[in-house]
Each structure stands twice: as C-alpha cells, then as structure tokens.
Amino acid sequence: MKLYSKTEIFEVIDDFIAKHEHPVVEILGPTGSGKTSFSVELAKYLEDAEIISVDSRQVFTDIDISSAKVTEEEMENVVHWGINLISPEGTFSVVDFQKYAFEKIDAIHKRGFIPILCGGTMLWLDAISENYIFGENPEEKSTERGAPKFPVLKVGIELNREILYKRLNDRAEAHFKYGLVEETQLLREKYKFSKSALTSFGYKEIMQYLDGEISKEEALAANQKRNRNYAKRQMTWWRGREDVFWVDGKTL
C-alpha cells in the first residue's frame, strides 16, 4: 500500500478537483486518526469547501463527548453539516442520512463549493459514495448500487496501530476527565432513556459506573477497549480498498 505525505495528498486532491466537475472529497479512517483536524485543514487549504460530518452518533444533539463531536473552536469557521440533526429520542438511519447528504452535496455544489465528507461510520460513507440502494433492512450493507451521483476521491488516514491505540487510550482518559460521566448522567435525566438506549450511544460502561456495578477505573478501561475494538473494525472494513489514497497520519 502506497502512503502519501500530506503535501503529496494535497497535490492528488488538487489534480482530482481540476479534472472533475462537481467533485467530492471523502476523508475516512479509524476513530482517533485525526480525520476532523485534517478535514478542517483541507477545507481551509481549498478555501471554497464545506464539510459534511458522516458519523451516526454526531447527528444527535447532546451526544457530544462520547462521539468526539467537533467543537465550534475546532471548526475554525469552516461550515459543517451533519451535526445535531435530531434528538437522541429519535431515529436516523443510514437511508435518512444518505438522503440528507445527497441534498447537502447538491446544495454545496450549487454554491460553487467543494463538499468534503469526513467520518468513520463505514456503512454511511459507502452509502453516499457508492450510491447504495437499500432493501428492507437499511442497516445491512447493500449489494446493489445506483449510478454514481458525483465523482469521489477517497482519502484514508493510515496510522501505526500502536500510535493509534495510544491516542485512543489518551482520548478516553481526557473524556473521563472533562465530562463524559456528567454527560451520561445529564442524558439519563433529560431524556429518561432506557439502559439499552444509552448503551447504543456508547455509554454502557459509564452507566455501569453510575449504577455502582463497576469502579471508575474499570469503566475507563472498558471505554478504552471499546474504542480500540471499534477502530479495529473500521480498519478491517477498509482493508484492501484499491480506490482509497492513503495518507501517512504521522505527516498530518
């Protein structure tokens, strides 16, 4: 697998945009690899770009720390879409997001800007770039694809697993330190969720800690392990993709 430096991948992106009408750039990679900051840097480099976050938890309001939702400060005045679209008590399927993303991409193109898809929800990204046609179960990967709606350049961030896992462990510690437990408690009080609903948002171990079932140290360890396992599933999903240009995350 060829790895590009940041300078080289910017050249690839420039060339792709110059050769295609209505281009879309997709930034993918495992959680914690630096997709958010790289997409913002790319948008500022291109000057005429807007970012669509492709994350199945960031579409919900108040699911902030757990989802590592991009903050106003991190956006650096770059327009972001796909965030805080619905209450956590609602539902938002891959089909819903696909429709939303297609509409936003069209609107961004009409403004003369370049859409940047950025996220790690694997099925949702593929649903957009591959124009999946879904059957009765929209959460299953589709084997049927419609005609391409736009040209897409896929850029993946590659990081050494040891470096990535350390980042994830450190991030989990920071989340615990700066409000993840309090966020979980607030959600439980504000929305009167069932335990299974909160678990689906990634708060299982925090709920267990709040209920006195495990210690804070055990909750942190479980949170770190869950994040590492998710990153592993993401890397497995994209492994072997020949249509992805991989950038060396150490150069970002």
C-alpha atoms as a PDB file:
ATOM      1  CA  MET A   1       0.000   0.000   0.000  1.00  0.00           C
ATOM      2  CA  LYS A   2       1.430   3.340  -1.063  1.00  0.00           C
ATOM      3  CA  LEU A   3       1.436   6.000   1.628  1.00  0.00           C
ATOM      4  CA  TYR A   4       1.303   9.671   0.661  1.00  0.00           C
ATOM      5  CA  SER A   5       2.631  12.554   2.708  1.00  0.00           C
ATOM      6  CA  LYS A   6       0.321  15.477   3.453  1.00  0.00           C
ATOM      7  CA  THR A   7       2.000  17.541   0.729  1.00  0.00           C
ATOM      8  CA  GLU A   8       1.604  14.721  -1.797  1.00  0.00           C
ATOM      9  CA  ILE A   9      -2.050  14.072  -0.946  1.00  0.00           C
ATOM     10  CA  PHE A  10      -2.852  17.768  -1.337  1.00  0.00           C
ATOM     11  CA  GLU A  11      -1.389  17.534  -4.854  1.00  0.00           C
ATOM     12  CA  VAL A  12      -3.555  14.467  -5.570  1.00  0.00           C
ATOM     13  CA  ILE A  13      -6.643  16.336  -4.353  1.00  0.00           C
ATOM     14  CA  ASP A  14      -5.813  19.426  -6.403  1.00  0.00           C
ATOM     15  CA  ASP A  15      -5.399  17.302  -9.523  1.00  0.00           C
ATOM     16  CA  PHE A  16      -8.677  15.462  -8.899  1.00  0.00           C
ATOM     17  CA  ILE A  17     -10.630  18.672  -8.413  1.00  0.00           C
ATOM     18  CA  ALA A  18      -9.127  20.212 -11.548  1.00  0.00           C
ATOM     19  CA  LYS A  19     -10.156  17.216 -13.670  1.00  0.00           C
ATOM     20  CA  HIS A  20     -13.732  16.713 -12.447  1.00  0.00           C
ATOM     21  CA  GLU A  21     -16.925  18.681 -12.452  1.00  0.00           C
ATOM     22  CA  HIS A  22     -18.781  18.658  -9.115  1.00  0.00           C
ATOM     23  CA  PRO A  23     -16.068  16.722  -7.214  1.00  0.00           C
ATOM     24  CA  VAL A  24     -16.443  15.330  -3.709  1.00  0.00           C
ATOM     25  CA  VAL A  25     -13.544  14.539  -1.378  1.00  0.00           C
ATOM     26  CA  GLU A  26     -14.025  11.843   1.253  1.00  0.00           C
ATOM     27  CA  ILE A  27     -11.832  11.657   4.351  1.00  0.00           C
ATOM     28  CA  LEU A  28     -12.036   8.278   6.085  1.00  0.00           C
ATOM     29  CA  GLY A  29     -10.127   6.341   8.691  1.00  0.00           C
ATOM     30  CA  PRO A  30     -10.411   4.837  12.154  1.00  0.00           C
ATOM     31  CA  THR A  31     -11.615   6.804  15.146  1.00  0.00           C
ATOM     32  CA  GLY A  32      -8.843   8.872  16.663  1.00  0.00           C
ATOM     33  CA  SER A  33      -6.759   9.030  13.482  1.00  0.00           C
ATOM     34  CA  GLY A  34      -7.122  12.794  13.025  1.00  0.00           C
ATOM     35  CA  LYS A  35      -9.860  12.994  10.385  1.00  0.00           C
ATOM     36  CA  THR A  36     -11.539  16.050  11.889  1.00  0.00           C
ATOM     37  CA  SER A  37      -8.460  18.268  12.078  1.00  0.00           C
ATOM     38  CA  PHE A  38      -7.248  17.116   8.658  1.00  0.00           C
ATOM     39  CA  SER A  39     -10.611  17.839   7.016  1.00  0.00           C
ATOM     40  CA  VAL A  40     -10.627  21.345   8.503  1.00  0.00           C
ATOM     41  CA  GLU A  41      -7.064  21.937   7.315  1.00  0.00           C
ATOM     42  CA  LEU A  42      -8.020  20.699   3.842  1.00  0.00           C
ATOM     43  CA  ALA A  43     -11.124  22.904   3.721  1.00  0.00           C
ATOM     44  CA  LYS A  44      -9.048  25.973   4.620  1.00  0.00           C
ATOM     45  CA  TYR A  45      -6.436  24.999   2.039  1.00  0.00           C
ATOM     46  CA  LEU A  46      -9.081  24.687  -0.691  1.00  0.00           C
ATOM     47  CA  GLU A  47     -10.748  27.914   0.536  1.00  0.00           C
ATOM     48  CA  ASP A  48     -14.081  27.040  -1.094  1.00  0.00           C
ATOM     49  CA  ALA A  49     -15.088  23.871   0.763  1.00  0.00           C
ATOM     50  CA  GLU A  50     -17.698  22.801   3.314  1.00  0.00           C
ATOM     51  CA  ILE A  51     -17.571  19.693   5.494  1.00  0.00           C
ATOM     52  CA  ILE A  52     -20.302  17.086   5.956  1.00  0.00           C
ATOM     53  CA  SER A  53     -19.712  15.029   9.097  1.00  0.00           C
ATOM     54  CA  VAL A  54     -20.553  11.370   8.465  1.00  0.00           C
ATOM     55  CA  ASP A  55     -20.984   9.989  11.965  1.00  0.00           C
ATOM     56  CA  SER A  56     -24.002   8.035  13.172  1.00  0.00           C
ATOM     57  CA  ARG A  57     -23.792   9.494  16.689  1.00  0.00           C
ATOM     58  CA  GLN A  58     -22.900  13.091  15.905  1.00  0.00           C
ATOM     59  CA  VAL A  59     -26.270  13.543  14.192  1.00  0.00           C
ATOM     60  CA  PHE A  60     -27.829  13.514  17.682  1.00  0.00           C
ATOM     61  CA  THR A  61     -27.951  16.521  19.981  1.00  0.00           C
ATOM     62  CA  ASP A  62     -26.205  16.224  23.368  1.00  0.00           C
ATOM     63  CA  ILE A  63     -24.166  13.149  22.294  1.00  0.00           C
ATOM     64  CA  ASP A  64     -21.053  15.303  22.364  1.00  0.00           C
ATOM     65  CA  ILE A  65     -18.118  13.971  24.370  1.00  0.00           C
ATOM     66  CA  SER A  66     -18.934  10.319  23.720  1.00  0.00           C
ATOM     67  CA  SER A  67     -18.986  10.899  19.952  1.00  0.00           C
ATOM     68  CA  ALA A  68     -15.941  13.216  19.986  1.00  0.00           C
ATOM     69  CA  LYS A  69     -18.172  15.760  18.244  1.00  0.00           C
ATOM     70  CA  VAL A  70     -16.299  18.589  16.570  1.00  0.00           C
ATOM     71  CA  THR A  71     -16.475  21.805  18.597  1.00  0.00           C
ATOM     72  CA  GLU A  72     -17.007  25.346  17.328  1.00  0.00           C
ATOM     73  CA  GLU A  73     -13.366  26.086  18.084  1.00  0.00           C
ATOM     74  CA  GLU A  74     -12.182  23.014  16.159  1.00  0.00           C
ATOM     75  CA  MET A  75     -14.294  24.020  13.142  1.00  0.00           C
ATOM     76  CA  GLU A  76     -12.135  27.141  12.695  1.00  0.00           C
ATOM     77  CA  ASN A  77     -15.014  28.927  10.934  1.00  0.00           C
ATOM     78  CA  VAL A  78     -15.356  26.172   8.320  1.00  0.00           C
ATOM     79  CA  VAL A  79     -19.009  25.338   7.626  1.00  0.00           C
ATOM     80  CA  HIS A  80     -20.009  21.906   8.966  1.00  0.00           C
ATOM     81  CA  TRP A  81     -23.124  19.867   8.226  1.00  0.00           C
ATOM     82  CA  GLY A  82     -24.461  16.574   9.556  1.00  0.00           C
ATOM     83  CA  ILE A  83     -24.239  17.532  13.237  1.00  0.00           C
ATOM     84  CA  ASN A  84     -27.057  17.911  15.815  1.00  0.00           C
ATOM     85  CA  LEU A  85     -29.810  16.975  13.397  1.00  0.00           C
ATOM     86  CA  ILE A  86     -32.159  15.151  15.766  1.00  0.00           C
ATOM     87  CA  SER A  87     -32.952  14.482  19.414  1.00  0.00           C
ATOM     88  CA  PRO A  88     -31.442  11.304  20.893  1.00  0.00           C
ATOM     89  CA  GLU A  89     -35.002  10.100  21.390  1.00  0.00           C
ATOM     90  CA  GLY A  90     -35.479   9.991  17.624  1.00  0.00           C
ATOM     91  CA  THR A  91     -34.079   7.692  14.956  1.00  0.00           C
ATOM     92  CA  PHE A  92     -31.840   8.449  11.997  1.00  0.00           C
ATOM     93  CA  SER A  93     -30.994   5.549   9.714  1.00  0.00           C
ATOM     94  CA  VAL A  94     -28.359   5.225   7.023  1.00  0.00           C
ATOM     95  CA  VAL A  95     -31.133   5.807   4.466  1.00  0.00           C
ATOM     96  CA  ASP A  96     -32.107   9.050   6.202  1.00  0.00           C
ATOM     97  CA  PHE A  97     -28.522  10.214   6.207  1.00  0.00           C
ATOM     98  CA  GLN A  98     -27.918   9.221   2.608  1.00  0.00           C
ATOM     99  CA  LYS A  99     -30.857  11.396   1.536  1.00  0.00           C
ATOM    100  CA  TYR A 100     -29.636  14.251   3.731  1.00  0.00           C
ATOM    101  CA  ALA A 101     -26.074  14.019   2.401  1.00  0.00           C
ATOM    102  CA  PHE A 102     -27.145  13.931  -1.248  1.00  0.00           C
ATOM    103  CA  GLU A 103     -29.208  17.081  -0.709  1.00  0.00           C
ATOM    104  CA  LYS A 104     -26.350  18.873   1.054  1.00  0.00           C
ATOM    105  CA  ILE A 105     -23.800  17.857  -1.570  1.00  0.00           C
ATOM    106  CA  ASP A 106     -26.050  19.195  -4.313  1.00  0.00           C
ATOM    107  CA  ALA A 107     -26.568  22.470  -2.432  1.00  0.00           C
ATOM    108  CA  ILE A 108     -22.837  22.892  -1.776  1.00  0.00           C
ATOM    109  CA  HIS A 109     -22.050  22.287  -5.442  1.00  0.00           C
ATOM    110  CA  LYS A 110     -24.659  24.847  -6.475  1.00  0.00           C
ATOM    111  CA  ARG A 111     -22.894  27.413  -4.276  1.00  0.00           C
ATOM    112  CA  GLY A 112     -19.704  26.650  -6.203  1.00  0.00           C
ATOM    113  CA  PHE A 113     -18.071  24.980  -3.216  1.00  0.00           C
ATOM    114  CA  ILE A 114     -16.470  21.553  -2.740  1.00  0.00           C
ATOM    115  CA  PRO A 115     -18.091  19.079  -0.336  1.00  0.00           C
ATOM    116  CA  ILE A 116     -15.769  17.187   1.995  1.00  0.00           C
ATOM    117  CA  LEU A 117     -17.242  14.053   3.553  1.00  0.00           C
ATOM    118  CA  CYS A 118     -15.493  13.328   6.834  1.00  0.00           C
ATOM    119  CA  GLY A 119     -16.262  10.486   9.187  1.00  0.00           C
ATOM    120  CA  GLY A 120     -15.804   6.952  10.328  1.00  0.00           C
ATOM    121  CA  THR A 121     -19.258   5.399  10.083  1.00  0.00           C
ATOM    122  CA  MET A 122     -18.355   2.885   7.426  1.00  0.00           C
ATOM    123  CA  LEU A 123     -21.761   1.972   6.019  1.00  0.00           C
ATOM    124  CA  TRP A 124     -22.901   5.583   5.898  1.00  0.00           C
ATOM    125  CA  LEU A 125     -19.822   6.674   3.940  1.00  0.00           C
ATOM    126  CA  ASP A 126     -20.204   3.843   1.435  1.00  0.00           C
ATOM    127  CA  ALA A 127     -23.927   4.533   1.103  1.00  0.00           C
ATOM    128  CA  ILE A 128     -23.083   8.022  -0.143  1.00  0.00           C
ATOM    129  CA  SER A 129     -20.015   7.408  -2.289  1.00  0.00           C
ATOM    130  CA  GLU A 130     -21.323   4.144  -3.782  1.00  0.00           C
ATOM    131  CA  ASN A 131     -24.971   5.264  -4.002  1.00  0.00           C
ATOM    132  CA  TYR A 132     -26.274   2.141  -2.287  1.00  0.00           C
ATOM    133  CA  ILE A 133     -29.822   1.077  -2.978  1.00  0.00           C
ATOM    134  CA  PHE A 134     -31.180  -0.392   0.245  1.00  0.00           C
ATOM    135  CA  GLY A 135     -33.669  -3.176   0.711  1.00  0.00           C
ATOM    136  CA  GLU A 136     -35.901  -3.920   3.662  1.00  0.00           C
ATOM    137  CA  ASN A 137     -33.074  -3.781   6.210  1.00  0.00           C
ATOM    138  CA  PRO A 138     -31.253  -0.471   5.736  1.00  0.00           C
ATOM    139  CA  GLU A 139     -28.586  -1.347   8.309  1.00  0.00           C
ATOM    140  CA  GLU A 140     -27.163  -4.104   6.105  1.00  0.00           C
ATOM    141  CA  LYS A 141     -24.513  -3.358   3.525  1.00  0.00           C
ATOM    142  CA  SER A 142     -26.197  -3.154   0.151  1.00  0.00           C
ATOM    143  CA  THR A 143     -25.005  -5.182  -2.791  1.00  0.00           C
ATOM    144  CA  GLU A 144     -26.916  -3.001  -5.248  1.00  0.00           C
ATOM    145  CA  ARG A 145     -25.596   0.333  -6.381  1.00  0.00           C
ATOM    146  CA  GLY A 146     -27.175   3.094  -8.371  1.00  0.00           C
ATOM    147  CA  ALA A 147     -25.416   5.210 -10.962  1.00  0.00           C
ATOM    148  CA  PRO A 148     -22.698   7.423  -9.437  1.00  0.00           C
ATOM    149  CA  LYS A 149     -24.101  10.809  -8.444  1.00  0.00           C
ATOM    150  CA  PHE A 150     -20.736  12.549  -8.436  1.00  0.00           C
ATOM    151  CA  PRO A 151     -17.004  11.756  -8.701  1.00  0.00           C
ATOM    152  CA  VAL A 152     -15.481  10.923  -5.302  1.00  0.00           C
ATOM    153  CA  LEU A 153     -11.843  10.950  -4.251  1.00  0.00           C
ATOM    154  CA  LYS A 154     -11.369   8.764  -1.163  1.00  0.00           C
ATOM    155  CA  VAL A 155      -8.535   9.704   1.148  1.00  0.00           C
ATOM    156  CA  GLY A 156      -7.807   7.418   4.104  1.00  0.00           C
ATOM    157  CA  ILE A 157      -5.631   8.178   7.114  1.00  0.00           C
ATOM    158  CA  GLU A 158      -3.204   5.411   7.968  1.00  0.00           C
ATOM    159  CA  LEU A 159      -1.668   5.255  11.433  1.00  0.00           C
ATOM    160  CA  ASN A 160       0.543   2.678  13.089  1.00  0.00           C
ATOM    161  CA  ARG A 161      -1.713   0.628  15.376  1.00  0.00           C
ATOM    162  CA  GLU A 162       0.439   1.272  18.435  1.00  0.00           C
ATOM    163  CA  ILE A 163       0.248   5.035  17.885  1.00  0.00           C
ATOM    164  CA  LEU A 164      -3.491   4.892  17.184  1.00  0.00           C
ATOM    165  CA  TYR A 165      -4.284   2.834  20.281  1.00  0.00           C
ATOM    166  CA  LYS A 166      -2.253   5.187  22.479  1.00  0.00           C
ATOM    167  CA  ARG A 167      -4.207   8.125  21.059  1.00  0.00           C
ATOM    168  CA  LEU A 168      -7.483   6.363  21.796  1.00  0.00           C
ATOM    169  CA  ASN A 169      -6.455   5.492  25.340  1.00  0.00           C
ATOM    170  CA  ASP A 170      -5.326   9.070  25.988  1.00  0.00           C
ATOM    171  CA  ARG A 171      -8.517  10.466  24.473  1.00  0.00           C
ATOM    172  CA  ALA A 172     -10.655   8.246  26.684  1.00  0.00           C
ATOM    173  CA  GLU A 173      -8.801   9.491  29.755  1.00  0.00           C
ATOM    174  CA  ALA A 174      -9.421  13.076  28.652  1.00  0.00           C
ATOM    175  CA  HIS A 175     -13.109  12.355  28.074  1.00  0.00           C
ATOM    176  CA  PHE A 176     -13.452  10.988  31.597  1.00  0.00           C
ATOM    177  CA  LYS A 177     -11.585  13.968  32.994  1.00  0.00           C
ATOM    178  CA  TYR A 178     -13.579  16.577  31.104  1.00  0.00           C
ATOM    179  CA  GLY A 179     -17.180  15.476  31.440  1.00  0.00           C
ATOM    180  CA  LEU A 180     -18.097  12.098  29.932  1.00  0.00           C
ATOM    181  CA  VAL A 181     -19.577  10.856  33.202  1.00  0.00           C
ATOM    182  CA  GLU A 182     -21.505  14.102  33.667  1.00  0.00           C
ATOM    183  CA  GLU A 183     -22.751  13.957  30.069  1.00  0.00           C
ATOM    184  CA  THR A 184     -24.068  10.446  30.630  1.00  0.00           C
ATOM    185  CA  GLN A 185     -25.865  11.475  33.805  1.00  0.00           C
ATOM    186  CA  LEU A 186     -27.393  14.519  32.084  1.00  0.00           C
ATOM    187  CA  LEU A 187     -28.692  12.403  29.193  1.00  0.00           C
ATOM    188  CA  ARG A 188     -30.183   9.895  31.569  1.00  0.00           C
ATOM    189  CA  GLU A 189     -32.002  12.638  33.460  1.00  0.00           C
ATOM    190  CA  LYS A 190     -33.003  14.779  30.481  1.00  0.00           C
ATOM    191  CA  TYR A 191     -34.339  12.096  28.163  1.00  0.00           C
ATOM    192  CA  LYS A 192     -35.369   9.311  30.547  1.00  0.00           C
ATOM    193  CA  PHE A 193     -33.616   6.747  28.387  1.00  0.00           C
ATOM    194  CA  SER A 194     -33.715   3.047  29.000  1.00  0.00           C
ATOM    195  CA  LYS A 195     -30.348   1.497  29.759  1.00  0.00           C
ATOM    196  CA  SER A 196     -30.335  -0.242  26.371  1.00  0.00           C
ATOM    197  CA  ALA A 197     -30.889   3.076  24.563  1.00  0.00           C
ATOM    198  CA  LEU A 198     -27.958   4.731  26.303  1.00  0.00           C
ATOM    199  CA  THR A 199     -25.836   1.665  25.669  1.00  0.00           C
ATOM    200  CA  SER A 200     -26.467   2.042  21.932  1.00  0.00           C
ATOM    201  CA  PHE A 201     -24.925   5.522  22.128  1.00  0.00           C
ATOM    202  CA  GLY A 202     -21.756   4.134  23.702  1.00  0.00           C
ATOM    203  CA  TYR A 203     -22.426   4.862  27.355  1.00  0.00           C
ATOM    204  CA  LYS A 204     -22.676   1.286  28.643  1.00  0.00           C
ATOM    205  CA  GLU A 205     -19.616   1.326  30.897  1.00  0.00           C
ATOM    206  CA  ILE A 206     -20.453   4.799  32.224  1.00  0.00           C
ATOM    207  CA  MET A 207     -23.941   3.630  33.124  1.00  0.00           C
ATOM    208  CA  GLN A 208     -22.454   0.659  34.944  1.00  0.00           C
ATOM    209  CA  TYR A 209     -20.203   3.006  36.898  1.00  0.00           C
ATOM    210  CA  LEU A 210     -23.075   5.361  37.775  1.00  0.00           C
ATOM    211  CA  ASP A 211     -25.130   2.382  38.933  1.00  0.00           C
ATOM    212  CA  GLY A 212     -22.300   1.170  41.161  1.00  0.00           C
ATOM    213  CA  GLU A 213     -21.717  -2.010  39.170  1.00  0.00           C
ATOM    214  CA  ILE A 214     -18.061  -1.264  38.328  1.00  0.00           C
ATOM    215  CA  SER A 215     -15.389   1.173  39.505  1.00  0.00           C
ATOM    216  CA  LYS A 216     -14.381   4.306  37.613  1.00  0.00           C
ATOM    217  CA  GLU A 217     -11.081   2.648  36.713  1.00  0.00           C
ATOM    218  CA  GLU A 218     -12.927  -0.357  35.296  1.00  0.00           C
ATOM    219  CA  ALA A 219     -15.255   1.940  33.353  1.00  0.00           C
ATOM    220  CA  LEU A 220     -12.287   3.762  31.837  1.00  0.00           C
ATOM    221  CA  ALA A 221     -10.596   0.509  30.853  1.00  0.00           C
ATOM    222  CA  ALA A 222     -13.809  -0.770  29.266  1.00  0.00           C
ATOM    223  CA  ASN A 223     -14.255   2.518  27.375  1.00  0.00           C
ATOM    224  CA  GLN A 224     -10.699   2.358  26.076  1.00  0.00           C
ATOM    225  CA  LYS A 225     -11.166  -1.243  24.950  1.00  0.00           C
ATOM    226  CA  ARG A 226     -14.447  -0.434  23.181  1.00  0.00           C
ATOM    227  CA  ASN A 227     -12.790   2.395  21.265  1.00  0.00           C
ATOM    228  CA  ARG A 228      -9.868   0.180  20.251  1.00  0.00           C
ATOM    229  CA  ASN A 229     -12.227  -2.559  19.089  1.00  0.00           C
ATOM    230  CA  TYR A 230     -14.218  -0.067  17.019  1.00  0.00           C
ATOM    231  CA  ALA A 231     -11.040   1.216  15.377  1.00  0.00           C
ATOM    232  CA  LYS A 232     -10.085  -2.368  14.561  1.00  0.00           C
ATOM    233  CA  ARG A 233     -13.482  -2.981  12.893  1.00  0.00           C
ATOM    234  CA  GLN A 234     -13.078   0.196  10.867  1.00  0.00           C
ATOM    235  CA  MET A 235      -9.627  -0.789   9.650  1.00  0.00           C
ATOM    236  CA  THR A 236     -10.911  -4.236   8.713  1.00  0.00           C
ATOM    237  CA  TRP A 237     -13.792  -2.671   6.737  1.00  0.00           C
ATOM    238  CA  TRP A 238     -11.436  -0.579   4.592  1.00  0.00           C
ATOM    239  CA  ARG A 239      -8.553  -3.013   4.321  1.00  0.00           C
ATOM    240  CA  GLY A 240      -7.641  -3.791   0.726  1.00  0.00           C
ATOM    241  CA  ARG A 241      -9.627  -0.947  -0.828  1.00  0.00           C
ATOM    242  CA  GLU A 242      -7.922  -0.124  -4.093  1.00  0.00           C
ATOM    243  CA  ASP A 243      -9.883   3.098  -4.566  1.00  0.00           C
ATOM    244  CA  VAL A 244      -8.505   4.769  -1.421  1.00  0.00           C
ATOM    245  CA  PHE A 245      -5.472   7.056  -1.395  1.00  0.00           C
ATOM    246  CA  TRP A 246      -3.804   6.528   1.976  1.00  0.00           C
ATOM    247  CA  VAL A 247      -2.009   9.400   3.666  1.00  0.00           C
ATOM    248  CA  ASP A 248       0.570   8.775   6.358  1.00  0.00           C
ATOM    249  CA  GLY A 249      -1.062  10.049   9.544  1.00  0.00           C
ATOM    250  CA  LYS A 250       2.355  10.889  11.020  1.00  0.00           C
ATOM    251  CA  THR A 251       2.732  13.637   8.378  1.00  0.00           C
ATOM    252  CA  LEU A 252      -0.525  15.376   9.306  1.00  0.00           C
END
